[in-house]
Amino acid sequence: MKNFIPDNISQHDNVYDVLKERGFIEQVTDEDAVRSLLGREKIKFYIGFDPTADCLHVGHFMQVIIMMYMQKFGHTPVVLLGGGTGMVGDPSGRTDMRQLMDVDTIDENCRQFKKLFDRFLEFDEEWEYAGNNGVFAPGHESKTPEPGKAISVNNGHWLRPLNYVEFVRTVGTHFNVNQMLRAEAFKQRMERAGGLTFFEFNYMLMQSYDFMVMARDFDVKMEFGGNDQWSNIIGGVDLTRKMCGKEVYGMTFALLTNSEGKKMGKTAKGALWLSPERTSPYEFYQYWRNVDDADVEKCLRMLTFLPMDEVRRLAALEGAEINKAKEVLAYEVTKLVHGEEEARKAQEGARAAFGGGTATKNIPTKEYPAADFAGEGKGLLTLMKELGLASSNGEARRTVEQGGLSVDGEKITDARASITAEHFRDGEILIQKGKKKFIKVVLR
């Protein structure tokens, strides 16, 4: 059994209180009923993940952590992979329509998502969803999930075979268009010049139908999601009551935002991915090591499994001492995502780069043939682009002329400079952009 969460994580024995203590919970359809439900019985609950890429990013990771807490306290996470909803794309909180993907891409992305979930959750791999070939044909679970284990299902099972006319007659009649248009989920799309397509308008019906199907067919009692999912969750709660006569509940969680209200997890290269092939453990570590002072407490509380007393102690550090808290944060989150060994390497590499230590082997490295730097060498601006330190000559030139680039600790401000074999010591040099970006260049 995967056991990331220590037994002393909280003095509370109801997971609702634990999630509240960590600052996750934002909205609940019926707070008293939900708290009582989670305290008196072990339930199935679900979170949906549309396969918009072939990898999870740190925005997804918040939801994964919540599932880990629920599993720790004996509840059954249902990971819903959006093989059906992914064919439309969720318009919630977006200003443009998502790029459409073909079925093969969607299916492959779902498979890659499942591999990542396997790293954090213990699954009952023998459980499966069976049946359901239309809105009037209920499916069922092949077995009761093993206690303490998660299950995974793809909504393509019940969405892809649907007959559209049958669907809108059976499901669409339960939705009021006036209420849907007021939904926060559609607000940004409605306010843009392009507006909301009818195609995307169907998404709320599909997600609501997901909840009803799972409540009807294998007794899922709650849906969780980010704050931007509130309207979709309410739709599912209402539809389940109308079509099944079942009372189900919803709960949303705070999105991971910084002190300025902007989403965290964005880098110069794009999203902060959970796969080491997309974002290296070193880059992942460095992101958390360099968060703003004001965000340390929130990140420690939501992204680590340190006890709250320790979170408060670290967050109370001031001045230069807050860097100790940032090191703990970066190490703990990297350990959770990439394992203890990679977290240690990333930490040693960061300390070497910033403090002149000896563990430079853990800094991201790029190899070049020695011949590339023979004679007049390689132009500095060209090298910066090849290393990903600049996207254009103009950006590279500005960085150099503004004093933002160092080679082996010495600033270079001449944009016409070249790097030659003479710059290398023992066949390597350390190039630094700004305060946070280090790359070691090694000759072969």
Protein backbone atom coordinates (compact mmCIF):
# COMPACT_ATOMS: atom_id res chain seq x y z
CA MET A 1 0.00 0.00 0.00
CA LYS A 2 1.32 3.41 -0.94
CA ASN A 3 1.67 5.43 2.23
CA PHE A 4 2.71 9.00 1.53
CA ILE A 5 0.72 10.54 4.38
CA PRO A 6 2.02 10.03 7.93
CA ASP A 7 -0.37 8.91 10.64
CA ASN A 8 0.32 12.10 12.61
CA ILE A 9 -0.88 14.36 9.80
CA SER A 10 -3.75 15.61 11.96
CA GLN A 11 -5.48 15.19 15.30
CA HIS A 12 -8.81 14.98 13.46
CA ASP A 13 -10.34 11.63 12.53
CA ASN A 14 -12.85 12.99 10.01
CA VAL A 15 -11.23 13.75 6.66
CA TYR A 16 -13.57 16.73 6.21
CA ASP A 17 -11.94 18.41 9.20
CA VAL A 18 -8.48 17.56 7.89
CA LEU A 19 -9.20 19.11 4.49
CA LYS A 20 -10.69 22.15 6.20
CA GLU A 21 -7.63 22.49 8.45
CA ARG A 22 -5.32 22.42 5.42
CA GLY A 23 -7.35 25.18 3.75
CA PHE A 24 -8.62 23.16 0.77
CA ILE A 25 -12.40 23.46 1.05
CA GLU A 26 -14.12 26.38 -0.67
CA GLN A 27 -17.75 25.43 -1.41
CA VAL A 28 -19.96 22.54 -0.27
CA THR A 29 -23.49 21.75 -1.39
CA ASP A 30 -24.51 20.90 2.21
CA GLU A 31 -21.69 21.29 4.71
CA ASP A 32 -23.36 19.59 7.68
CA ALA A 33 -24.58 16.64 5.62
CA VAL A 34 -21.18 16.17 3.94
CA ARG A 35 -19.24 16.31 7.19
CA SER A 36 -21.63 13.80 8.75
CA LEU A 37 -21.45 11.51 5.69
CA LEU A 38 -17.64 11.45 5.63
CA GLY A 39 -17.54 10.81 9.37
CA ARG A 40 -20.02 7.94 9.58
CA GLU A 41 -19.27 5.88 6.43
CA LYS A 42 -16.63 5.18 3.80
CA ILE A 43 -17.86 6.44 0.45
CA LYS A 44 -16.97 6.42 -3.23
CA PHE A 45 -16.24 9.90 -4.55
CA TYR A 46 -14.93 11.07 -7.88
CA ILE A 47 -12.80 13.71 -9.56
CA GLY A 48 -12.80 14.03 -13.34
CA PHE A 49 -9.68 14.58 -15.43
CA ASP A 50 -10.00 15.46 -19.09
CA PRO A 51 -6.97 14.23 -21.09
CA THR A 52 -6.02 17.59 -22.60
CA ALA A 53 -2.33 16.55 -22.72
CA ASP A 54 -0.32 13.35 -22.27
CA CYS A 55 0.87 14.38 -18.81
CA LEU A 56 -0.54 15.75 -15.57
CA HIS A 57 0.65 19.16 -14.37
CA VAL A 58 0.81 20.72 -10.92
CA GLY A 59 -2.75 22.05 -11.25
CA HIS A 60 -3.95 18.44 -11.39
CA PHE A 61 -1.69 17.58 -8.47
CA MET A 62 -3.87 19.50 -6.02
CA GLN A 63 -6.72 17.15 -6.89
CA VAL A 64 -4.42 14.13 -6.58
CA ILE A 65 -3.39 15.22 -3.08
CA ILE A 66 -7.05 15.50 -2.04
CA MET A 67 -7.68 11.97 -3.31
CA MET A 68 -4.66 10.80 -1.30
CA TYR A 69 -6.13 12.31 1.86
CA MET A 70 -9.49 10.67 1.19
CA GLN A 71 -7.84 7.29 0.57
CA LYS A 72 -5.79 7.67 3.75
CA PHE A 73 -9.02 7.99 5.71
CA GLY A 74 -10.61 4.91 4.12
CA HIS A 75 -12.69 6.39 1.30
CA THR A 76 -12.62 5.08 -2.29
CA PRO A 77 -11.30 7.53 -4.92
CA VAL A 78 -12.85 7.14 -8.35
CA VAL A 79 -10.51 8.58 -10.97
CA LEU A 80 -12.74 9.51 -13.89
CA LEU A 81 -10.78 9.75 -17.12
CA GLY A 82 -12.51 11.95 -19.68
CA GLY A 83 -12.45 9.81 -22.79
CA GLY A 84 -15.91 11.17 -23.57
CA THR A 85 -15.92 14.71 -22.18
CA GLY A 86 -12.43 15.22 -23.60
CA MET A 87 -13.95 15.08 -27.07
CA VAL A 88 -15.73 18.36 -26.30
CA GLY A 89 -13.51 20.13 -23.78
CA ASP A 90 -14.52 22.01 -20.66
CA PRO A 91 -15.18 25.73 -21.34
CA SER A 92 -15.10 26.57 -17.60
CA GLY A 93 -12.96 29.63 -16.88
CA ARG A 94 -11.61 29.78 -20.44
CA THR A 95 -11.53 32.66 -22.89
CA ASP A 96 -11.20 30.45 -25.97
CA MET A 97 -12.32 27.05 -27.20
CA ARG A 98 -10.06 24.10 -26.47
CA GLN A 99 -8.25 22.51 -29.38
CA LEU A 100 -10.11 19.42 -30.59
CA MET A 101 -8.29 16.10 -30.38
CA ASP A 102 -8.89 12.91 -32.31
CA VAL A 103 -10.00 9.74 -30.54
CA ASP A 104 -6.59 8.03 -30.70
CA THR A 105 -4.89 11.03 -29.05
CA ILE A 106 -7.56 11.17 -26.33
CA ASP A 107 -7.22 7.45 -25.60
CA GLU A 108 -3.43 7.61 -25.45
CA ASN A 109 -3.56 10.62 -23.12
CA CYS A 110 -5.94 8.70 -20.84
CA ARG A 111 -3.46 5.82 -20.70
CA GLN A 112 -0.61 8.19 -19.80
CA PHE A 113 -2.74 9.84 -17.09
CA LYS A 114 -3.47 6.46 -15.52
CA LYS A 115 0.26 5.64 -15.35
CA LEU A 116 0.86 8.85 -13.39
CA PHE A 117 -2.04 8.20 -11.03
CA ASP A 118 -0.53 4.79 -10.29
CA ARG A 119 2.41 6.58 -8.66
CA PHE A 120 0.22 8.21 -6.02
CA LEU A 121 -2.81 5.98 -5.47
CA GLU A 122 -3.29 2.28 -4.81
CA PHE A 123 -5.79 0.86 -7.34
CA ASP A 124 -7.97 -2.23 -7.41
CA GLU A 125 -6.99 -3.22 -10.95
CA GLU A 126 -9.53 -6.07 -11.04
CA TRP A 127 -12.47 -3.70 -10.67
CA GLU A 128 -14.12 -2.58 -13.88
CA TYR A 129 -17.27 -0.90 -15.10
CA ALA A 130 -19.51 -3.09 -17.23
CA GLY A 131 -22.49 -2.45 -19.46
CA ASN A 132 -24.21 0.82 -20.37
CA ASN A 133 -24.93 1.28 -24.05
CA GLY A 134 -27.27 4.26 -23.75
CA VAL A 135 -29.20 6.42 -21.35
CA PHE A 136 -31.78 3.71 -20.63
CA ALA A 137 -29.26 0.88 -20.16
CA PRO A 138 -27.68 1.06 -16.69
CA GLY A 139 -24.27 -0.47 -16.22
CA HIS A 140 -22.76 -1.98 -13.10
CA GLU A 141 -19.46 -2.63 -11.35
CA SER A 142 -17.84 -6.03 -11.78
CA LYS A 143 -17.10 -6.28 -8.04
CA THR A 144 -16.98 -4.19 -4.89
CA PRO A 145 -13.61 -2.39 -4.78
CA GLU A 146 -11.16 -3.71 -2.23
CA PRO A 147 -11.28 -1.59 0.94
CA GLY A 148 -8.77 1.25 0.84
CA LYS A 149 -8.10 1.00 -2.89
CA ALA A 150 -8.98 3.44 -5.66
CA ILE A 151 -10.74 2.62 -8.92
CA SER A 152 -10.49 4.18 -12.36
CA VAL A 153 -13.17 4.46 -15.05
CA ASN A 154 -13.38 6.19 -18.43
CA ASN A 155 -16.56 8.16 -19.21
CA GLY A 156 -16.13 7.19 -22.85
CA HIS A 157 -17.91 3.95 -21.80
CA TRP A 158 -21.24 5.73 -21.46
CA LEU A 159 -20.80 8.96 -23.45
CA ARG A 160 -19.42 7.74 -26.77
CA PRO A 161 -22.27 5.25 -27.52
CA LEU A 162 -24.99 7.86 -26.84
CA ASN A 163 -27.66 8.64 -29.40
CA TYR A 164 -27.86 12.44 -29.39
CA VAL A 165 -31.63 12.73 -29.78
CA GLU A 166 -32.17 10.18 -27.01
CA PHE A 167 -29.70 12.06 -24.81
CA VAL A 168 -31.27 15.50 -25.18
CA ARG A 169 -34.78 14.05 -24.70
CA THR A 170 -33.80 12.22 -21.54
CA VAL A 171 -31.19 14.50 -20.01
CA GLY A 172 -31.55 17.88 -21.71
CA THR A 173 -35.16 18.29 -20.56
CA HIS A 174 -33.87 18.62 -16.96
CA PHE A 175 -31.75 21.72 -17.71
CA ASN A 176 -32.93 25.32 -17.81
CA VAL A 177 -31.02 27.36 -20.41
CA ASN A 178 -31.51 30.64 -18.54
CA GLN A 179 -29.85 29.14 -15.45
CA MET A 180 -27.05 27.63 -17.51
CA LEU A 181 -26.25 30.99 -19.11
CA ARG A 182 -25.79 32.52 -15.65
CA ALA A 183 -23.30 29.83 -14.65
CA GLU A 184 -19.88 31.07 -13.61
CA ALA A 185 -18.37 28.25 -15.70
CA PHE A 186 -19.43 29.99 -18.92
CA LYS A 187 -18.80 33.59 -17.87
CA GLN A 188 -15.42 34.22 -19.53
CA ARG A 189 -16.47 32.50 -22.74
CA MET A 190 -19.71 34.51 -22.91
CA GLU A 191 -17.90 37.82 -22.43
CA ARG A 192 -15.48 37.26 -25.31
CA ALA A 193 -16.29 38.46 -28.81
CA GLY A 194 -16.37 34.89 -30.10
CA GLY A 195 -18.88 33.85 -27.45
CA LEU A 196 -19.74 30.30 -26.39
CA THR A 197 -20.34 27.65 -29.05
CA PHE A 198 -23.33 25.35 -28.77
CA PHE A 199 -20.82 22.51 -28.98
CA GLU A 200 -19.22 23.61 -25.67
CA PHE A 201 -22.64 24.33 -24.15
CA ASN A 202 -23.23 20.56 -24.09
CA TYR A 203 -20.34 20.05 -21.68
CA MET A 204 -22.35 20.80 -18.54
CA LEU A 205 -24.94 18.19 -19.54
CA MET A 206 -22.21 15.61 -20.15
CA GLN A 207 -20.45 16.19 -16.83
CA SER A 208 -23.76 16.17 -14.96
CA TYR A 209 -24.67 12.92 -16.71
CA ASP A 210 -21.33 11.46 -15.56
CA PHE A 211 -22.29 12.01 -11.92
CA MET A 212 -25.76 10.53 -12.40
CA VAL A 213 -24.41 7.41 -14.16
CA MET A 214 -21.85 6.68 -11.44
CA ALA A 215 -24.32 7.37 -8.63
CA ARG A 216 -26.87 5.07 -10.27
CA ASP A 217 -24.53 2.28 -11.35
CA PHE A 218 -21.95 2.02 -8.56
CA ASP A 219 -23.10 4.30 -5.77
CA VAL A 220 -20.74 7.28 -6.08
CA LYS A 221 -21.92 9.82 -3.50
CA MET A 222 -19.71 12.88 -4.02
CA GLU A 223 -17.97 14.83 -6.76
CA PHE A 224 -14.94 17.00 -6.02
CA GLY A 225 -13.32 19.61 -8.23
CA GLY A 226 -11.68 22.99 -8.47
CA ASN A 227 -13.71 26.12 -7.83
CA ASP A 228 -14.26 26.54 -11.57
CA GLN A 229 -16.30 23.31 -11.54
CA TRP A 230 -19.00 24.48 -9.13
CA SER A 231 -21.73 25.00 -11.77
CA ASN A 232 -21.01 21.62 -13.37
CA ILE A 233 -21.10 19.88 -9.99
CA ILE A 234 -24.42 21.50 -9.05
CA GLY A 235 -25.79 20.33 -12.39
CA GLY A 236 -24.80 16.75 -11.55
CA VAL A 237 -26.30 16.89 -8.05
CA ASP A 238 -29.62 18.16 -9.46
CA LEU A 239 -29.71 15.69 -12.36
CA THR A 240 -28.99 12.72 -10.07
CA ARG A 241 -31.85 13.71 -7.78
CA LYS A 242 -34.26 14.16 -10.71
CA MET A 243 -33.34 10.99 -12.63
CA CYS A 244 -32.43 8.58 -9.81
CA GLY A 245 -34.03 10.01 -6.70
CA LYS A 246 -30.60 9.85 -5.03
CA GLU A 247 -29.11 12.53 -2.81
CA VAL A 248 -25.50 13.19 -3.75
CA TYR A 249 -23.13 15.99 -2.82
CA GLY A 250 -20.43 18.21 -4.23
CA MET A 251 -17.41 20.01 -2.87
CA THR A 252 -14.95 22.37 -4.52
CA PHE A 253 -11.42 23.29 -3.56
CA ALA A 254 -9.26 26.35 -3.83
CA LEU A 255 -7.16 26.55 -6.97
CA LEU A 256 -3.43 26.87 -6.34
CA THR A 257 -2.90 30.61 -6.69
CA ASN A 258 -0.21 32.96 -5.46
CA SER A 259 -0.71 35.96 -3.18
CA GLU A 260 -1.71 38.04 -6.23
CA GLY A 261 -4.46 35.60 -7.20
CA LYS A 262 -2.63 34.22 -10.24
CA LYS A 263 -2.48 30.47 -10.90
CA MET A 264 0.77 28.87 -9.76
CA GLY A 265 2.62 26.24 -11.73
CA LYS A 266 3.43 28.29 -14.81
CA THR A 267 7.04 28.63 -15.96
CA ALA A 268 8.78 30.30 -18.87
CA LYS A 269 8.54 26.96 -20.68
CA GLY A 270 4.82 26.56 -19.89
CA ALA A 271 3.17 24.28 -17.34
CA LEU A 272 5.00 22.65 -14.45
CA TRP A 273 4.60 19.00 -15.42
CA LEU A 274 4.72 15.96 -13.12
CA SER A 275 6.69 13.87 -15.62
CA PRO A 276 10.49 14.13 -15.34
CA GLU A 277 10.70 14.01 -19.14
CA ARG A 278 8.62 17.21 -19.39
CA THR A 279 9.93 19.08 -16.32
CA SER A 280 13.18 17.81 -14.80
CA PRO A 281 13.25 17.18 -11.03
CA TYR A 282 15.83 19.97 -10.76
CA GLU A 283 13.58 22.50 -12.54
CA PHE A 284 10.62 21.27 -10.47
CA TYR A 285 12.59 21.74 -7.24
CA GLN A 286 13.79 25.17 -8.30
CA TYR A 287 10.24 26.36 -8.97
CA TRP A 288 9.19 25.72 -5.37
CA ARG A 289 12.52 26.91 -3.97
CA ASN A 290 11.85 30.30 -5.56
CA VAL A 291 8.22 30.95 -4.66
CA ASP A 292 7.44 34.34 -3.13
CA ASP A 293 7.73 34.62 0.65
CA ALA A 294 3.98 35.30 0.89
CA ASP A 295 3.17 31.94 -0.75
CA VAL A 296 5.32 29.68 1.44
CA GLU A 297 2.67 28.94 4.08
CA LYS A 298 -0.04 28.10 1.53
CA CYS A 299 2.25 25.80 -0.46
CA LEU A 300 3.51 24.00 2.66
CA ARG A 301 -0.07 23.54 3.84
CA MET A 302 -1.50 22.27 0.57
CA LEU A 303 1.37 20.52 -1.19
CA THR A 304 3.21 18.75 1.63
CA PHE A 305 2.18 16.30 4.30
CA LEU A 306 4.03 18.05 7.11
CA PRO A 307 1.98 18.39 10.31
CA MET A 308 0.30 21.79 10.68
CA ASP A 309 2.46 22.71 13.68
CA GLU A 310 5.55 22.35 11.50
CA VAL A 311 3.89 24.25 8.65
CA ARG A 312 3.14 27.15 10.97
CA ARG A 313 6.65 27.10 12.42
CA LEU A 314 8.31 27.22 9.00
CA ALA A 315 5.91 29.85 7.67
CA ALA A 316 6.68 32.11 10.64
CA LEU A 317 10.36 32.38 9.72
CA GLU A 318 11.39 35.85 8.59
CA GLY A 319 14.08 37.55 6.55
CA ALA A 320 16.79 35.27 5.20
CA GLU A 321 15.49 32.45 7.43
CA ILE A 322 12.44 32.02 5.16
CA ASN A 323 14.81 30.41 2.64
CA LYS A 324 15.06 27.42 4.99
CA ALA A 325 11.30 27.02 4.74
CA LYS A 326 11.51 27.24 0.95
CA GLU A 327 14.14 24.50 0.89
CA VAL A 328 11.89 22.27 2.97
CA LEU A 329 8.95 23.05 0.67
CA ALA A 330 10.91 22.33 -2.50
CA TYR A 331 12.37 19.12 -1.09
CA GLU A 332 9.05 17.77 0.21
CA VAL A 333 7.08 18.47 -2.98
CA THR A 334 9.86 17.10 -5.21
CA LYS A 335 10.13 14.00 -3.02
CA LEU A 336 6.40 13.41 -3.31
CA VAL A 337 6.36 13.75 -7.11
CA HIS A 338 9.77 12.33 -8.10
CA GLY A 339 10.94 10.30 -5.12
CA GLU A 340 13.46 10.89 -2.34
CA GLU A 341 16.57 10.20 -4.42
CA GLU A 342 15.66 12.75 -7.11
CA ALA A 343 14.69 15.30 -4.46
CA ARG A 344 18.08 14.89 -2.79
CA LYS A 345 19.92 15.29 -6.09
CA ALA A 346 17.90 18.40 -6.96
CA GLN A 347 18.59 19.92 -3.56
CA GLU A 348 22.32 19.21 -3.78
CA GLY A 349 22.42 20.65 -7.30
CA ALA A 350 20.64 23.82 -6.20
CA ARG A 351 22.90 24.28 -3.20
CA ALA A 352 25.97 23.78 -5.39
CA ALA A 353 24.76 26.30 -7.94
CA PHE A 354 23.82 28.93 -5.37
CA GLY A 355 26.39 28.25 -2.70
CA GLY A 356 29.45 26.98 -4.53
CA GLY A 357 29.08 23.44 -3.23
CA THR A 358 30.50 20.32 -4.79
CA ALA A 359 27.35 18.66 -6.16
CA THR A 360 27.35 20.32 -9.58
CA LYS A 361 26.73 16.90 -11.13
CA ASN A 362 23.06 17.35 -10.20
CA ILE A 363 22.65 20.57 -12.20
CA PRO A 364 21.01 20.16 -15.66
CA THR A 365 23.74 19.41 -18.18
CA LYS A 366 24.17 19.83 -21.92
CA GLU A 367 26.98 18.07 -23.76
CA TYR A 368 28.76 19.51 -26.79
CA PRO A 369 31.58 18.23 -29.03
CA ALA A 370 34.84 19.95 -28.03
CA ALA A 371 35.24 21.02 -31.66
CA ASP A 372 32.26 23.40 -31.29
CA PHE A 373 34.34 25.65 -29.04
CA ALA A 374 37.69 25.34 -30.85
CA GLY A 375 39.28 28.39 -32.44
CA GLU A 376 36.94 31.38 -32.24
CA GLY A 377 34.38 29.28 -30.38
CA LYS A 378 30.61 29.63 -30.31
CA GLY A 379 28.78 32.97 -30.13
CA LEU A 380 27.29 33.60 -26.69
CA LEU A 381 23.86 34.53 -28.05
CA THR A 382 23.72 31.38 -30.18
CA LEU A 383 24.70 29.25 -27.19
CA MET A 384 22.00 30.85 -25.02
CA LYS A 385 19.33 29.99 -27.59
CA GLU A 386 20.56 26.41 -27.91
CA LEU A 387 20.46 25.99 -24.12
CA GLY A 388 16.91 27.34 -23.90
CA LEU A 389 18.03 30.44 -21.97
CA ALA A 390 16.52 32.74 -24.61
CA SER A 391 13.96 32.30 -27.38
CA SER A 392 15.57 34.81 -29.76
CA ASN A 393 18.75 36.77 -30.40
CA GLY A 394 16.99 39.91 -29.18
CA GLU A 395 16.04 38.35 -25.84
CA ALA A 396 19.55 36.90 -25.45
CA ARG A 397 21.17 40.28 -26.21
CA ARG A 398 18.97 42.09 -23.68
CA THR A 399 19.78 39.53 -21.00
CA VAL A 400 23.53 39.92 -21.55
CA GLU A 401 23.57 43.71 -21.84
CA GLN A 402 21.46 44.07 -18.69
CA GLY A 403 23.91 41.96 -16.69
CA GLY A 404 21.72 38.91 -16.41
CA LEU A 405 24.23 36.29 -17.55
CA SER A 406 27.27 34.81 -15.81
CA VAL A 407 29.80 32.21 -16.89
CA ASP A 408 31.47 30.42 -13.98
CA GLY A 409 30.36 33.23 -11.68
CA GLU A 410 31.62 36.11 -13.83
CA LYS A 411 29.14 38.46 -15.47
CA ILE A 412 29.41 38.87 -19.24
CA THR A 413 27.89 42.07 -20.62
CA ASP A 414 29.30 42.03 -24.16
CA ALA A 415 26.68 40.55 -26.46
CA ARG A 416 29.36 39.98 -29.12
CA ALA A 417 31.34 37.64 -26.85
CA SER A 418 32.07 34.04 -27.77
CA ILE A 419 32.66 31.02 -25.57
CA THR A 420 35.88 29.22 -26.46
CA ALA A 421 37.76 26.19 -25.21
CA GLU A 422 39.75 28.47 -22.91
CA HIS A 423 36.63 29.20 -20.82
CA PHE A 424 36.31 25.54 -19.82
CA ARG A 425 37.87 24.14 -16.67
CA ASP A 426 38.17 20.35 -16.59
CA GLY A 427 35.93 20.27 -19.64
CA GLU A 428 32.95 22.13 -18.19
CA ILE A 429 31.51 25.57 -17.48
CA LEU A 430 28.51 26.72 -15.46
CA ILE A 431 26.22 29.23 -17.16
CA GLN A 432 23.79 31.18 -15.01
CA LYS A 433 20.86 33.31 -16.19
CA GLY A 434 19.45 35.60 -13.50
CA LYS A 435 19.25 34.15 -10.03
CA LYS A 436 17.38 30.95 -10.75
CA LYS A 437 18.55 29.31 -13.96
CA PHE A 438 21.74 27.19 -14.12
CA ILE A 439 23.00 24.95 -16.90
CA LYS A 440 26.30 23.09 -16.99
CA VAL A 441 27.97 22.77 -20.41
CA VAL A 442 30.26 19.77 -20.75
CA LEU A 443 32.68 18.95 -23.55
CA ARG A 444 32.81 15.44 -24.95
